[in-house]
N, C-alpha and C. Protein backbone atom coordinates (compact mmCIF):
# COMPACT_ATOMS: atom_id res chain seq x y z
N UNK A 1 118.39 -266.62 -150.63
CA UNK A 1 117.53 -266.42 -149.48
C UNK A 1 117.87 -265.09 -148.83
N UNK A 2 118.71 -265.04 -147.83
CA UNK A 2 119.13 -263.78 -147.21
C UNK A 2 118.24 -263.33 -146.06
N UNK A 3 118.67 -262.28 -145.46
CA UNK A 3 117.99 -261.70 -144.31
C UNK A 3 116.98 -260.67 -144.78
N UNK A 4 115.73 -260.82 -144.38
CA UNK A 4 114.71 -259.83 -144.75
C UNK A 4 114.77 -258.65 -143.79
N UNK A 5 114.65 -257.48 -144.36
CA UNK A 5 114.65 -256.27 -143.54
C UNK A 5 113.29 -256.13 -142.88
N UNK A 6 113.26 -256.25 -141.56
CA UNK A 6 112.01 -256.13 -140.82
C UNK A 6 112.03 -254.94 -139.87
N UNK A 7 113.20 -254.34 -139.70
CA UNK A 7 113.34 -253.20 -138.80
C UNK A 7 113.17 -251.92 -139.60
N UNK A 8 112.35 -250.99 -139.12
CA UNK A 8 112.19 -249.73 -139.85
C UNK A 8 113.52 -248.98 -139.92
N UNK A 9 113.66 -248.18 -140.94
CA UNK A 9 114.87 -247.39 -141.14
C UNK A 9 114.74 -246.09 -140.33
N UNK A 10 114.89 -246.21 -139.01
CA UNK A 10 114.74 -245.07 -138.10
C UNK A 10 116.10 -244.63 -137.59
N UNK A 11 116.22 -243.33 -137.34
CA UNK A 11 117.40 -242.81 -136.66
C UNK A 11 117.09 -242.85 -135.17
N UNK A 12 117.89 -243.59 -134.43
CA UNK A 12 117.65 -243.79 -133.00
C UNK A 12 118.79 -243.15 -132.21
N UNK A 13 118.44 -242.33 -131.23
CA UNK A 13 119.41 -241.74 -130.32
C UNK A 13 119.25 -242.43 -128.97
N UNK A 14 120.36 -242.88 -128.42
CA UNK A 14 120.35 -243.56 -127.12
C UNK A 14 121.06 -242.67 -126.11
N UNK A 15 120.37 -242.41 -125.01
CA UNK A 15 120.91 -241.58 -123.93
C UNK A 15 120.96 -242.46 -122.68
N UNK A 16 122.08 -242.43 -121.98
CA UNK A 16 122.22 -243.30 -120.82
C UNK A 16 122.74 -242.54 -119.61
N UNK A 17 122.22 -242.90 -118.47
CA UNK A 17 122.74 -242.46 -117.16
C UNK A 17 122.86 -240.94 -117.01
N UNK A 18 121.77 -240.22 -117.29
CA UNK A 18 121.82 -238.76 -117.12
C UNK A 18 121.70 -238.37 -115.65
N UNK A 19 121.20 -239.25 -114.81
CA UNK A 19 121.09 -239.01 -113.36
C UNK A 19 120.35 -237.71 -113.05
N UNK A 20 119.14 -237.63 -113.60
CA UNK A 20 118.32 -236.43 -113.41
C UNK A 20 118.06 -236.20 -111.94
N UNK A 21 118.13 -234.97 -111.57
CA UNK A 21 117.97 -234.60 -110.17
C UNK A 21 119.31 -234.22 -109.56
N UNK A 22 120.42 -234.58 -110.24
CA UNK A 22 121.74 -234.22 -109.72
C UNK A 22 122.48 -233.26 -110.64
N UNK A 23 122.06 -233.17 -111.92
CA UNK A 23 122.74 -232.26 -112.84
C UNK A 23 121.94 -230.97 -112.96
N UNK A 24 122.63 -229.86 -113.20
CA UNK A 24 121.91 -228.60 -113.39
C UNK A 24 121.00 -228.67 -114.62
N UNK A 25 119.88 -227.99 -114.56
CA UNK A 25 118.92 -227.99 -115.67
C UNK A 25 119.57 -227.47 -116.94
N UNK A 26 120.51 -226.51 -116.83
CA UNK A 26 121.19 -225.98 -118.03
C UNK A 26 121.95 -227.09 -118.77
N UNK A 27 122.56 -228.00 -118.04
CA UNK A 27 123.27 -229.11 -118.69
C UNK A 27 122.26 -230.04 -119.36
N UNK A 28 121.16 -230.31 -118.68
CA UNK A 28 120.10 -231.14 -119.27
C UNK A 28 119.57 -230.48 -120.54
N UNK A 29 119.34 -229.17 -120.50
CA UNK A 29 118.85 -228.46 -121.68
C UNK A 29 119.85 -228.55 -122.83
N UNK A 30 121.13 -228.45 -122.53
CA UNK A 30 122.17 -228.59 -123.55
C UNK A 30 122.13 -230.00 -124.14
N UNK A 31 122.01 -231.01 -123.29
CA UNK A 31 121.94 -232.39 -123.77
C UNK A 31 120.73 -232.59 -124.69
N UNK A 32 119.60 -231.99 -124.34
CA UNK A 32 118.40 -232.12 -125.17
C UNK A 32 118.57 -231.39 -126.49
N UNK A 33 119.23 -230.25 -126.49
CA UNK A 33 119.52 -229.55 -127.75
C UNK A 33 120.39 -230.43 -128.65
N UNK A 34 121.35 -231.12 -128.06
CA UNK A 34 122.21 -232.02 -128.82
C UNK A 34 121.40 -233.17 -129.40
N UNK A 35 120.52 -233.76 -128.59
CA UNK A 35 119.65 -234.84 -129.07
C UNK A 35 118.81 -234.34 -130.25
N UNK A 36 118.18 -233.19 -130.07
CA UNK A 36 117.31 -232.65 -131.12
C UNK A 36 118.07 -232.31 -132.39
N UNK A 37 119.33 -231.90 -132.26
CA UNK A 37 120.11 -231.56 -133.45
C UNK A 37 120.38 -232.78 -134.32
N UNK A 38 120.24 -233.96 -133.76
CA UNK A 38 120.44 -235.20 -134.52
C UNK A 38 119.17 -235.63 -135.27
N UNK A 39 118.07 -234.93 -135.04
CA UNK A 39 116.79 -235.23 -135.70
C UNK A 39 116.39 -236.70 -135.60
N UNK A 40 116.29 -237.23 -134.37
CA UNK A 40 115.97 -238.65 -134.23
C UNK A 40 114.51 -238.96 -134.52
N UNK A 41 114.26 -240.20 -134.93
CA UNK A 41 112.89 -240.69 -135.02
C UNK A 41 112.41 -241.12 -133.63
N UNK A 42 113.35 -241.60 -132.82
CA UNK A 42 113.03 -242.01 -131.46
C UNK A 42 114.26 -241.79 -130.60
N UNK A 43 114.04 -241.36 -129.36
CA UNK A 43 115.14 -241.19 -128.40
C UNK A 43 114.89 -242.17 -127.26
N UNK A 44 115.84 -243.05 -127.05
CA UNK A 44 115.73 -244.05 -125.98
C UNK A 44 116.54 -243.59 -124.79
N UNK A 45 115.94 -243.68 -123.62
CA UNK A 45 116.63 -243.30 -122.39
C UNK A 45 116.88 -244.57 -121.58
N UNK A 46 118.14 -244.95 -121.47
CA UNK A 46 118.52 -246.19 -120.81
C UNK A 46 119.33 -245.89 -119.56
N UNK A 47 119.45 -246.89 -118.71
CA UNK A 47 120.31 -246.77 -117.54
C UNK A 47 119.65 -246.02 -116.40
N UNK A 48 120.48 -245.42 -115.58
CA UNK A 48 120.03 -244.70 -114.39
C UNK A 48 119.72 -243.26 -114.77
N UNK A 49 118.50 -243.03 -115.18
CA UNK A 49 118.11 -241.68 -115.58
C UNK A 49 117.71 -240.82 -114.38
N UNK A 50 117.08 -241.42 -113.40
CA UNK A 50 116.50 -240.64 -112.30
C UNK A 50 117.20 -240.95 -110.99
N UNK A 51 117.72 -239.93 -110.35
CA UNK A 51 118.26 -240.09 -109.02
C UNK A 51 117.17 -239.74 -108.00
N UNK A 52 116.27 -238.87 -108.41
CA UNK A 52 115.09 -238.56 -107.60
C UNK A 52 113.95 -239.43 -108.09
N UNK A 53 112.93 -239.56 -107.30
CA UNK A 53 111.73 -240.28 -107.73
C UNK A 53 111.18 -239.56 -108.95
N UNK A 54 110.86 -240.27 -110.02
CA UNK A 54 110.42 -239.62 -111.26
C UNK A 54 109.20 -238.75 -111.05
N UNK A 55 108.40 -239.04 -110.01
CA UNK A 55 107.22 -238.20 -109.74
C UNK A 55 107.62 -236.84 -109.19
N UNK A 56 108.86 -236.70 -108.75
CA UNK A 56 109.35 -235.43 -108.22
C UNK A 56 110.07 -234.60 -109.28
N UNK A 57 110.10 -235.07 -110.52
CA UNK A 57 110.84 -234.35 -111.56
C UNK A 57 110.31 -232.94 -111.78
N UNK A 58 109.00 -232.75 -111.61
CA UNK A 58 108.44 -231.41 -111.79
C UNK A 58 109.08 -230.41 -110.86
N UNK A 59 109.44 -230.85 -109.67
CA UNK A 59 110.08 -229.96 -108.70
C UNK A 59 111.48 -229.57 -109.16
N UNK A 60 112.12 -230.38 -109.97
CA UNK A 60 113.48 -230.10 -110.42
C UNK A 60 113.50 -229.45 -111.80
N UNK A 61 112.36 -229.24 -112.41
CA UNK A 61 112.21 -228.67 -113.76
C UNK A 61 112.74 -229.60 -114.84
N UNK A 62 113.11 -230.82 -114.49
CA UNK A 62 113.62 -231.77 -115.49
C UNK A 62 112.52 -232.22 -116.43
N UNK A 63 111.31 -232.40 -115.91
CA UNK A 63 110.22 -232.88 -116.76
C UNK A 63 109.94 -231.90 -117.88
N UNK A 64 109.94 -230.60 -117.58
CA UNK A 64 109.72 -229.60 -118.62
C UNK A 64 110.81 -229.68 -119.69
N UNK A 65 112.05 -229.86 -119.25
CA UNK A 65 113.16 -229.95 -120.20
C UNK A 65 113.05 -231.22 -121.04
N UNK A 66 112.75 -232.36 -120.41
CA UNK A 66 112.63 -233.62 -121.14
C UNK A 66 111.51 -233.57 -122.16
N UNK A 67 110.48 -232.82 -121.87
CA UNK A 67 109.34 -232.75 -122.78
C UNK A 67 109.71 -232.04 -124.09
N UNK A 68 110.85 -231.42 -124.14
CA UNK A 68 111.28 -230.71 -125.35
C UNK A 68 112.07 -231.61 -126.31
N UNK A 69 112.26 -232.88 -125.96
CA UNK A 69 112.93 -233.80 -126.88
C UNK A 69 112.06 -233.95 -128.11
N UNK A 70 112.65 -233.74 -129.26
CA UNK A 70 111.93 -233.82 -130.54
C UNK A 70 112.30 -235.12 -131.25
N UNK A 71 111.38 -236.04 -131.28
CA UNK A 71 111.57 -237.29 -132.02
C UNK A 71 110.31 -237.50 -132.85
N UNK A 72 110.48 -237.86 -134.10
CA UNK A 72 109.33 -237.88 -135.00
C UNK A 72 108.34 -239.01 -134.70
N UNK A 73 108.78 -240.09 -134.08
CA UNK A 73 107.89 -241.24 -133.83
C UNK A 73 107.31 -241.24 -132.42
N UNK A 74 108.08 -240.84 -131.44
CA UNK A 74 107.63 -240.81 -130.04
C UNK A 74 108.02 -239.46 -129.48
N UNK A 75 107.07 -238.78 -128.86
CA UNK A 75 107.33 -237.42 -128.37
C UNK A 75 106.96 -237.28 -126.91
N UNK A 76 107.81 -236.58 -126.18
CA UNK A 76 107.47 -236.09 -124.85
C UNK A 76 107.69 -237.07 -123.72
N UNK A 77 107.91 -236.48 -122.56
CA UNK A 77 108.14 -237.26 -121.36
C UNK A 77 106.89 -238.03 -120.96
N UNK A 78 105.71 -237.51 -121.26
CA UNK A 78 104.48 -238.23 -120.91
C UNK A 78 104.43 -239.58 -121.61
N UNK A 79 104.83 -239.62 -122.85
CA UNK A 79 104.86 -240.88 -123.57
C UNK A 79 105.83 -241.85 -122.91
N UNK A 80 106.99 -241.34 -122.52
CA UNK A 80 107.99 -242.18 -121.87
C UNK A 80 107.46 -242.73 -120.56
N UNK A 81 106.83 -241.89 -119.76
CA UNK A 81 106.40 -242.31 -118.43
C UNK A 81 105.21 -243.26 -118.46
N UNK A 82 104.52 -243.41 -119.57
CA UNK A 82 103.43 -244.36 -119.67
C UNK A 82 103.93 -245.80 -119.56
N UNK A 83 105.19 -246.00 -119.87
CA UNK A 83 105.75 -247.34 -119.87
C UNK A 83 106.56 -247.55 -118.63
């Protein structure tokens, strides 16, 4: 019998507690470069990501930086914010 493989063979990057709005954009950009260097299929953002209201991210330039995350299955901050 055995366990059937039902989960796709995706490379998943998990990012937690970046506390956007409190870290310099240069650090966020470095973190995104690191994420992209792993060539993920999907990047999951868990925990306390936003210290500011997410609608204010444009004022902190974080939204522009987040939009540069390269994941082959799900792309961009707009996709993330839909959920």
